Amino acid sequence: MNLHVCDTAEALGRDAAKQSVRILEDCLREQGYARIVLSTGASQFTFFRALAAEKLDWGKVEMFHLDEYVGLKDTHPASFRLYLRERFLSFAPVGRAHLIDGEGDLDATVARLGEEIASAPIDLALIGIGENAHIAFNDPPADFDDEAAYKVVDLDEACKAQQVREGWFESVERVPRQAITMTVRQILRSRHIVSCVPHQVKARAIQHALAEGVTNRVPASILKTHAGWDLYLDRESSSLL
């Protein structure tokens, strides 16, 4: 693990964006293409703003993302498809974008995503960490052994409450009960993992993930086993270390 503690969320986003572009540039130079996984949520705002200021041949990049709510229209403000169209695809015309459709045949969607992502290694995965230490929508106790690439999961109450606090939904009752998520094992198959985790609300999750052993009660703790993990914190999120 490489730990980076920045003064502010803005500095965190800028530094993480620059490193991510360096990794992708190396991939383009060495193999002619790059494959990336993106996370969403309020904690990623500064990263995407900084990434928009960087230059890259996005046409040679193939994009996947981590998760999407089941049954939520892609016009809903909380839709991760809408999030990525507005905050990433608006400035990054990637060669292929695999946006997760949580509205149709879920089994077919999960199977298709699994086939697409298995065709070549993921070069860079941007993996956020939730307030309950989830990665993607793998809430505690997370399944560390599922070999599938994606699956449908039930969201726990802490996860739903976070979505309400961040302003994506009016109430917990409005948060969908299920989501399609990338699995823990698929995340760990990525060659490089970069995690942007700013703000005081993430301090407890970071404390547990780093100070305790690897446990599925703290899903993010599994990232410590990855050979190429860069964790970016700001002063607030690192305050309990």
C-alpha atoms as a PDB file:
ATOM      1  CA  MET A   1       0.000   0.000   0.000  1.00  0.00           C
ATOM      2  CA  ASN A   2       1.108   3.532  -0.797  1.00  0.00           C
ATOM      3  CA  LEU A   3      -0.545   6.041   1.541  1.00  0.00           C
ATOM      4  CA  HIS A   4      -0.889   9.661   0.438  1.00  0.00           C
ATOM      5  CA  VAL A   5      -2.221  12.249   2.906  1.00  0.00           C
ATOM      6  CA  CYS A   6      -3.126  15.559   1.277  1.00  0.00           C
ATOM      7  CA  ASP A   7      -4.112  18.804   2.966  1.00  0.00           C
ATOM      8  CA  THR A   8      -7.487  19.137   1.263  1.00  0.00           C
ATOM      9  CA  ALA A   9      -9.989  17.160  -0.783  1.00  0.00           C
ATOM     10  CA  GLU A  10      -9.078  19.307  -3.776  1.00  0.00           C
ATOM     11  CA  ALA A  11      -5.375  18.463  -3.466  1.00  0.00           C
ATOM     12  CA  LEU A  12      -6.304  14.808  -3.043  1.00  0.00           C
ATOM     13  CA  GLY A  13      -8.325  14.836  -6.249  1.00  0.00           C
ATOM     14  CA  ARG A  14      -5.573  16.593  -8.168  1.00  0.00           C
ATOM     15  CA  ASP A  15      -2.803  14.222  -7.031  1.00  0.00           C
ATOM     16  CA  ALA A  16      -4.896  11.091  -7.605  1.00  0.00           C
ATOM     17  CA  ALA A  17      -5.917  12.295 -11.077  1.00  0.00           C
ATOM     18  CA  LYS A  18      -2.311  12.904 -12.067  1.00  0.00           C
ATOM     19  CA  GLN A  19      -1.233   9.458 -10.898  1.00  0.00           C
ATOM     20  CA  SER A  20      -4.176   7.809 -12.651  1.00  0.00           C
ATOM     21  CA  VAL A  21      -3.293   9.515 -15.927  1.00  0.00           C
ATOM     22  CA  ARG A  22       0.336   8.411 -15.570  1.00  0.00           C
ATOM     23  CA  ILE A  23      -0.788   4.805 -15.125  1.00  0.00           C
ATOM     24  CA  LEU A  24      -3.094   5.005 -18.145  1.00  0.00           C
ATOM     25  CA  GLU A  25      -0.427   6.699 -20.272  1.00  0.00           C
ATOM     26  CA  ASP A  26       1.962   3.856 -19.469  1.00  0.00           C
ATOM     27  CA  CYS A  27      -0.681   1.350 -20.558  1.00  0.00           C
ATOM     28  CA  LEU A  28      -1.324   3.179 -23.823  1.00  0.00           C
ATOM     29  CA  ARG A  29       2.394   3.344 -24.552  1.00  0.00           C
ATOM     30  CA  GLU A  30       3.028  -0.319 -23.718  1.00  0.00           C
ATOM     31  CA  GLN A  31      -0.083  -2.052 -25.073  1.00  0.00           C
ATOM     32  CA  GLY A  32      -1.966   0.533 -27.117  1.00  0.00           C
ATOM     33  CA  TYR A  33      -5.100   0.526 -24.956  1.00  0.00           C
ATOM     34  CA  ALA A  34      -6.186   0.771 -21.319  1.00  0.00           C
ATOM     35  CA  ARG A  35      -9.102  -0.601 -19.303  1.00  0.00           C
ATOM     36  CA  ILE A  36     -10.441   1.330 -16.332  1.00  0.00           C
ATOM     37  CA  VAL A  37     -13.038   0.849 -13.595  1.00  0.00           C
ATOM     38  CA  LEU A  38     -14.635   3.934 -12.057  1.00  0.00           C
ATOM     39  CA  SER A  39     -16.406   4.526  -8.772  1.00  0.00           C
ATOM     40  CA  THR A  40     -18.982   7.225  -8.137  1.00  0.00           C
ATOM     41  CA  GLY A  41     -20.419   9.136  -5.193  1.00  0.00           C
ATOM     42  CA  ALA A  42     -19.842  12.499  -3.547  1.00  0.00           C
ATOM     43  CA  SER A  43     -16.334  11.556  -2.416  1.00  0.00           C
ATOM     44  CA  GLN A  44     -15.190  11.370  -6.043  1.00  0.00           C
ATOM     45  CA  PHE A  45     -16.231  14.893  -7.061  1.00  0.00           C
ATOM     46  CA  THR A  46     -12.794  16.493  -6.680  1.00  0.00           C
ATOM     47  CA  PHE A  47     -11.110  13.615  -8.482  1.00  0.00           C
ATOM     48  CA  PHE A  48     -13.340  13.905 -11.545  1.00  0.00           C
ATOM     49  CA  ARG A  49     -12.966  17.693 -11.638  1.00  0.00           C
ATOM     50  CA  ALA A  50      -9.193  17.298 -11.618  1.00  0.00           C
ATOM     51  CA  LEU A  51      -9.286  14.477 -14.159  1.00  0.00           C
ATOM     52  CA  ALA A  52     -11.212  16.714 -16.555  1.00  0.00           C
ATOM     53  CA  ALA A  53      -8.209  19.074 -16.612  1.00  0.00           C
ATOM     54  CA  GLU A  54      -5.801  16.289 -17.647  1.00  0.00           C
ATOM     55  CA  LYS A  55      -5.098  15.271 -21.232  1.00  0.00           C
ATOM     56  CA  LEU A  56      -5.300  11.667 -22.421  1.00  0.00           C
ATOM     57  CA  ASP A  57      -6.205   9.790 -25.593  1.00  0.00           C
ATOM     58  CA  TRP A  58      -9.529   8.641 -24.163  1.00  0.00           C
ATOM     59  CA  GLY A  59     -10.530   6.960 -27.413  1.00  0.00           C
ATOM     60  CA  LYS A  60      -8.160   4.106 -26.565  1.00  0.00           C
ATOM     61  CA  VAL A  61      -9.680   3.582 -23.112  1.00  0.00           C
ATOM     62  CA  GLU A  62     -12.397   1.067 -22.242  1.00  0.00           C
ATOM     63  CA  MET A  63     -14.494   1.918 -19.168  1.00  0.00           C
ATOM     64  CA  PHE A  64     -16.433  -0.164 -16.666  1.00  0.00           C
ATOM     65  CA  HIS A  65     -18.024   1.016 -13.443  1.00  0.00           C
ATOM     66  CA  LEU A  66     -18.581  -0.565 -10.100  1.00  0.00           C
ATOM     67  CA  ASP A  67     -22.290  -0.633  -9.451  1.00  0.00           C
ATOM     68  CA  GLU A  68     -25.798   0.552 -10.197  1.00  0.00           C
ATOM     69  CA  TYR A  69     -29.115   0.459  -8.367  1.00  0.00           C
ATOM     70  CA  VAL A  70     -31.705  -2.092  -9.435  1.00  0.00           C
ATOM     71  CA  GLY A  71     -34.844  -0.577 -10.934  1.00  0.00           C
ATOM     72  CA  LEU A  72     -33.616   3.032 -10.948  1.00  0.00           C
ATOM     73  CA  LYS A  73     -34.081   4.973 -14.181  1.00  0.00           C
ATOM     74  CA  ASP A  74     -30.942   6.456 -15.673  1.00  0.00           C
ATOM     75  CA  THR A  75     -32.571   9.889 -15.494  1.00  0.00           C
ATOM     76  CA  HIS A  76     -32.806   9.762 -11.680  1.00  0.00           C
ATOM     77  CA  PRO A  77     -30.299  12.085  -9.962  1.00  0.00           C
ATOM     78  CA  ALA A  78     -28.864   9.112  -8.012  1.00  0.00           C
ATOM     79  CA  SER A  79     -28.293   6.953 -11.102  1.00  0.00           C
ATOM     80  CA  PHE A  80     -24.616   6.112 -11.496  1.00  0.00           C
ATOM     81  CA  ARG A  81     -25.076   5.992 -15.266  1.00  0.00           C
ATOM     82  CA  LEU A  82     -26.230   9.605 -15.159  1.00  0.00           C
ATOM     83  CA  TYR A  83     -23.383  10.476 -12.765  1.00  0.00           C
ATOM     84  CA  LEU A  84     -20.759   9.097 -15.153  1.00  0.00           C
ATOM     85  CA  ARG A  85     -22.300  10.682 -18.226  1.00  0.00           C
ATOM     86  CA  GLU A  86     -22.262  14.083 -16.536  1.00  0.00           C
ATOM     87  CA  ARG A  87     -18.976  13.884 -14.607  1.00  0.00           C
ATOM     88  CA  PHE A  88     -16.786  11.662 -16.793  1.00  0.00           C
ATOM     89  CA  LEU A  89     -18.069  10.872 -20.273  1.00  0.00           C
ATOM     90  CA  SER A  90     -18.807  14.569 -20.828  1.00  0.00           C
ATOM     91  CA  PHE A  91     -15.057  15.194 -21.155  1.00  0.00           C
ATOM     92  CA  ALA A  92     -13.707  11.666 -21.810  1.00  0.00           C
ATOM     93  CA  PRO A  93     -14.950  10.184 -25.121  1.00  0.00           C
ATOM     94  CA  VAL A  94     -13.810   6.655 -24.314  1.00  0.00           C
ATOM     95  CA  GLY A  95     -13.675   3.952 -26.955  1.00  0.00           C
ATOM     96  CA  ARG A  96     -16.160   1.763 -25.093  1.00  0.00           C
ATOM     97  CA  ALA A  97     -18.267   2.456 -21.998  1.00  0.00           C
ATOM     98  CA  HIS A  98     -19.966  -0.450 -20.249  1.00  0.00           C
ATOM     99  CA  LEU A  99     -22.716   1.271 -18.274  1.00  0.00           C
ATOM    100  CA  ILE A 100     -24.632  -1.039 -15.940  1.00  0.00           C
ATOM    101  CA  ASP A 101     -28.339  -1.262 -16.712  1.00  0.00           C
ATOM    102  CA  GLY A 102     -30.221  -2.134 -13.538  1.00  0.00           C
ATOM    103  CA  GLU A 103     -33.657  -1.878 -15.155  1.00  0.00           C
ATOM    104  CA  GLY A 104     -33.817  -4.882 -17.464  1.00  0.00           C
ATOM    105  CA  ASP A 105     -32.992  -8.587 -17.214  1.00  0.00           C
ATOM    106  CA  LEU A 106     -30.588  -8.648 -14.282  1.00  0.00           C
ATOM    107  CA  ASP A 107     -29.240 -12.144 -14.964  1.00  0.00           C
ATOM    108  CA  ALA A 108     -28.489 -11.236 -18.583  1.00  0.00           C
ATOM    109  CA  THR A 109     -26.839  -7.971 -17.547  1.00  0.00           C
ATOM    110  CA  VAL A 110     -24.621  -9.672 -14.968  1.00  0.00           C
ATOM    111  CA  ALA A 111     -23.633 -12.373 -17.471  1.00  0.00           C
ATOM    112  CA  ARG A 112     -22.819  -9.865 -20.206  1.00  0.00           C
ATOM    113  CA  LEU A 113     -20.726  -7.699 -17.911  1.00  0.00           C
ATOM    114  CA  GLY A 114     -18.865 -10.751 -16.673  1.00  0.00           C
ATOM    115  CA  GLU A 115     -17.979 -11.799 -20.223  1.00  0.00           C
ATOM    116  CA  GLU A 116     -16.888  -8.294 -21.223  1.00  0.00           C
ATOM    117  CA  ILE A 117     -14.686  -7.639 -18.212  1.00  0.00           C
ATOM    118  CA  ALA A 118     -13.052 -11.092 -18.401  1.00  0.00           C
ATOM    119  CA  SER A 119     -11.758 -10.474 -21.931  1.00  0.00           C
ATOM    120  CA  ALA A 120      -8.608  -8.684 -20.662  1.00  0.00           C
ATOM    121  CA  PRO A 121      -7.185  -7.464 -17.339  1.00  0.00           C
ATOM    122  CA  ILE A 122      -8.317  -4.194 -15.785  1.00  0.00           C
ATOM    123  CA  ASP A 123      -5.354  -1.818 -15.741  1.00  0.00           C
ATOM    124  CA  LEU A 124      -6.701   0.721 -13.228  1.00  0.00           C
ATOM    125  CA  ALA A 125      -9.610   0.577 -10.784  1.00  0.00           C
ATOM    126  CA  LEU A 126     -10.770   3.688  -8.924  1.00  0.00           C
ATOM    127  CA  ILE A 127     -12.254   2.222  -5.764  1.00  0.00           C
ATOM    128  CA  GLY A 128     -13.949   4.456  -3.203  1.00  0.00           C
ATOM    129  CA  ILE A 129     -14.630   3.426   0.380  1.00  0.00           C
ATOM    130  CA  GLY A 130     -18.035   3.906   1.992  1.00  0.00           C
ATOM    131  CA  GLU A 131     -18.850   5.095   5.484  1.00  0.00           C
ATOM    132  CA  ASN A 132     -19.479   1.468   6.456  1.00  0.00           C
ATOM    133  CA  ALA A 133     -16.167   0.559   4.742  1.00  0.00           C
ATOM    134  CA  HIS A 134     -17.907  -1.014   1.759  1.00  0.00           C
ATOM    135  CA  ILE A 135     -16.136  -1.233  -1.597  1.00  0.00           C
ATOM    136  CA  ALA A 136     -18.547  -0.973  -4.495  1.00  0.00           C
ATOM    137  CA  PHE A 137     -21.815  -2.223  -2.948  1.00  0.00           C
ATOM    138  CA  ASN A 138     -20.128  -5.049  -1.046  1.00  0.00           C
ATOM    139  CA  ASP A 139     -21.517  -4.146   2.362  1.00  0.00           C
ATOM    140  CA  PRO A 140     -20.318  -5.880   5.552  1.00  0.00           C
ATOM    141  CA  PRO A 141     -20.090  -8.782   5.979  1.00  0.00           C
ATOM    142  CA  ALA A 142     -18.710  -8.831   2.438  1.00  0.00           C
ATOM    143  CA  ASP A 143     -18.208 -11.989   0.420  1.00  0.00           C
ATOM    144  CA  PHE A 144     -14.468 -12.212  -0.243  1.00  0.00           C
ATOM    145  CA  ASP A 145     -14.708 -15.531  -2.115  1.00  0.00           C
ATOM    146  CA  ASP A 146     -17.285 -15.052  -4.879  1.00  0.00           C
ATOM    147  CA  GLU A 147     -15.407 -15.601  -8.169  1.00  0.00           C
ATOM    148  CA  ALA A 148     -18.086 -13.968 -10.330  1.00  0.00           C
ATOM    149  CA  ALA A 149     -17.340 -10.517 -11.735  1.00  0.00           C
ATOM    150  CA  TYR A 150     -20.712  -8.915 -10.914  1.00  0.00           C
ATOM    151  CA  LYS A 151     -23.717  -9.932  -8.851  1.00  0.00           C
ATOM    152  CA  VAL A 152     -26.981  -8.601  -7.412  1.00  0.00           C
ATOM    153  CA  VAL A 153     -26.832  -7.695  -3.705  1.00  0.00           C
ATOM    154  CA  ASP A 154     -29.158  -6.380  -1.005  1.00  0.00           C
ATOM    155  CA  LEU A 155     -28.094  -3.005   0.405  1.00  0.00           C
ATOM    156  CA  ASP A 156     -27.738  -2.700   4.167  1.00  0.00           C
ATOM    157  CA  GLU A 157     -29.294   0.097   6.211  1.00  0.00           C
ATOM    158  CA  ALA A 158     -26.007   1.932   6.835  1.00  0.00           C
ATOM    159  CA  CYS A 159     -25.343   2.061   3.119  1.00  0.00           C
ATOM    160  CA  LYS A 160     -28.824   3.390   2.409  1.00  0.00           C
ATOM    161  CA  ALA A 161     -28.466   6.032   5.132  1.00  0.00           C
ATOM    162  CA  GLN A 162     -25.232   7.273   3.553  1.00  0.00           C
ATOM    163  CA  GLN A 163     -26.998   7.791   0.221  1.00  0.00           C
ATOM    164  CA  VAL A 164     -29.634   9.921   1.979  1.00  0.00           C
ATOM    165  CA  ARG A 165     -27.041  11.997   3.876  1.00  0.00           C
ATOM    166  CA  GLU A 166     -25.215  12.714   0.636  1.00  0.00           C
ATOM    167  CA  GLY A 167     -28.458  14.030  -0.855  1.00  0.00           C
ATOM    168  CA  TRP A 168     -29.099  11.403  -3.514  1.00  0.00           C
ATOM    169  CA  PHE A 169     -32.480  10.350  -2.057  1.00  0.00           C
ATOM    170  CA  GLU A 170     -35.114  12.064   0.068  1.00  0.00           C
ATOM    171  CA  SER A 171     -35.405   9.203   2.552  1.00  0.00           C
ATOM    172  CA  VAL A 172     -34.128   5.702   3.262  1.00  0.00           C
ATOM    173  CA  GLU A 173     -37.436   4.344   1.975  1.00  0.00           C
ATOM    174  CA  ARG A 174     -36.666   5.822  -1.450  1.00  0.00           C
ATOM    175  CA  VAL A 175     -33.300   4.061  -1.760  1.00  0.00           C
ATOM    176  CA  PRO A 176     -33.581   0.902  -3.892  1.00  0.00           C
ATOM    177  CA  ARG A 177     -33.332  -2.321  -1.936  1.00  0.00           C
ATOM    178  CA  GLN A 178     -30.871  -3.947  -4.349  1.00  0.00           C
ATOM    179  CA  ALA A 179     -27.978  -3.104  -6.634  1.00  0.00           C
ATOM    180  CA  ILE A 180     -25.726  -4.736  -9.198  1.00  0.00           C
ATOM    181  CA  THR A 181     -22.167  -4.595  -7.918  1.00  0.00           C
ATOM    182  CA  MET A 182     -18.699  -5.643  -8.942  1.00  0.00           C
ATOM    183  CA  THR A 183     -17.481  -8.332  -6.565  1.00  0.00           C
ATOM    184  CA  VAL A 184     -14.513  -8.065  -4.228  1.00  0.00           C
ATOM    185  CA  ARG A 185     -12.557 -10.697  -6.128  1.00  0.00           C
ATOM    186  CA  GLN A 186     -13.041  -8.852  -9.414  1.00  0.00           C
ATOM    187  CA  ILE A 187     -11.838  -5.601  -7.835  1.00  0.00           C
ATOM    188  CA  LEU A 188      -8.701  -7.358  -6.607  1.00  0.00           C
ATOM    189  CA  ARG A 189      -7.951  -8.664 -10.120  1.00  0.00           C
ATOM    190  CA  SER A 190      -7.142  -5.087 -11.206  1.00  0.00           C
ATOM    191  CA  ARG A 191      -3.473  -4.344 -11.855  1.00  0.00           C
ATOM    192  CA  HIS A 192      -3.587  -0.987 -10.042  1.00  0.00           C
ATOM    193  CA  ILE A 193      -6.098   0.305  -7.502  1.00  0.00           C
ATOM    194  CA  VAL A 194      -6.394   3.978  -6.588  1.00  0.00           C
ATOM    195  CA  SER A 195      -8.756   4.980  -3.778  1.00  0.00           C
ATOM    196  CA  CYS A 196      -9.861   8.579  -3.234  1.00  0.00           C
ATOM    197  CA  VAL A 197     -11.333   8.875   0.263  1.00  0.00           C
ATOM    198  CA  PRO A 198     -11.712  12.455   1.538  1.00  0.00           C
ATOM    199  CA  HIS A 199     -13.868  14.019   4.295  1.00  0.00           C
ATOM    200  CA  GLN A 200     -14.382  13.511   8.011  1.00  0.00           C
ATOM    201  CA  VAL A 201     -17.323  11.118   7.540  1.00  0.00           C
ATOM    202  CA  LYS A 202     -14.883   8.519   6.174  1.00  0.00           C
ATOM    203  CA  ALA A 203     -12.385   8.771   9.048  1.00  0.00           C
ATOM    204  CA  ARG A 204     -13.837   5.907  11.088  1.00  0.00           C
ATOM    205  CA  ALA A 205     -13.967   3.562   8.073  1.00  0.00           C
ATOM    206  CA  ILE A 206     -10.349   4.389   7.238  1.00  0.00           C
ATOM    207  CA  GLN A 207      -9.286   3.818  10.832  1.00  0.00           C
ATOM    208  CA  HIS A 208     -10.891   0.371  10.883  1.00  0.00           C
ATOM    209  CA  ALA A 209      -9.616  -0.580   7.439  1.00  0.00           C
ATOM    210  CA  LEU A 210      -5.988   0.256   8.218  1.00  0.00           C
ATOM    211  CA  ALA A 211      -5.678  -0.404  11.950  1.00  0.00           C
ATOM    212  CA  GLU A 212      -7.434  -3.780  12.057  1.00  0.00           C
ATOM    213  CA  GLY A 213      -6.685  -7.057  10.295  1.00  0.00           C
ATOM    214  CA  VAL A 214      -8.307  -8.193   7.075  1.00  0.00           C
ATOM    215  CA  THR A 215     -11.943  -8.952   7.849  1.00  0.00           C
ATOM    216  CA  ASN A 216     -15.165  -9.058   5.858  1.00  0.00           C
ATOM    217  CA  ARG A 217     -16.748  -6.933   8.588  1.00  0.00           C
ATOM    218  CA  VAL A 218     -14.550  -4.136   7.178  1.00  0.00           C
ATOM    219  CA  PRO A 219     -14.663  -4.826   3.436  1.00  0.00           C
ATOM    220  CA  ALA A 220     -12.072  -2.174   2.528  1.00  0.00           C
ATOM    221  CA  SER A 221      -9.492  -3.974   4.681  1.00  0.00           C
ATOM    222  CA  ILE A 222      -9.047  -6.515   1.868  1.00  0.00           C
ATOM    223  CA  LEU A 223      -7.419  -3.813  -0.263  1.00  0.00           C
ATOM    224  CA  LYS A 224      -4.343  -4.091   1.961  1.00  0.00           C
ATOM    225  CA  THR A 225      -3.632  -7.461   0.351  1.00  0.00           C
ATOM    226  CA  HIS A 226      -3.319  -5.920  -3.125  1.00  0.00           C
ATOM    227  CA  ALA A 227       0.208  -5.365  -4.455  1.00  0.00           C
ATOM    228  CA  GLY A 228      -0.614  -2.064  -6.173  1.00  0.00           C
ATOM    229  CA  TRP A 229      -2.965  -0.057  -3.949  1.00  0.00           C
ATOM    230  CA  ASP A 230      -2.625   3.727  -3.624  1.00  0.00           C
ATOM    231  CA  LEU A 231      -4.840   5.260  -0.937  1.00  0.00           C
ATOM    232  CA  TYR A 232      -5.412   9.022  -1.049  1.00  0.00           C
ATOM    233  CA  LEU A 233      -6.708  10.705   2.115  1.00  0.00           C
ATOM    234  CA  ASP A 234      -7.118  14.306   3.193  1.00  0.00           C
ATOM    235  CA  ARG A 235      -6.486  15.695   6.665  1.00  0.00           C
ATOM    236  CA  GLU A 236     -10.064  14.993   7.714  1.00  0.00           C
ATOM    237  CA  SER A 237     -10.329  11.387   6.557  1.00  0.00           C
ATOM    238  CA  SER A 238      -6.900  10.590   8.060  1.00  0.00           C
ATOM    239  CA  SER A 239      -7.648  12.297  11.390  1.00  0.00           C
ATOM    240  CA  LEU A 240      -8.161   9.053  13.358  1.00  0.00           C
ATOM    241  CA  LEU A 241      -5.015   7.299  12.182  1.00  0.00           C
END
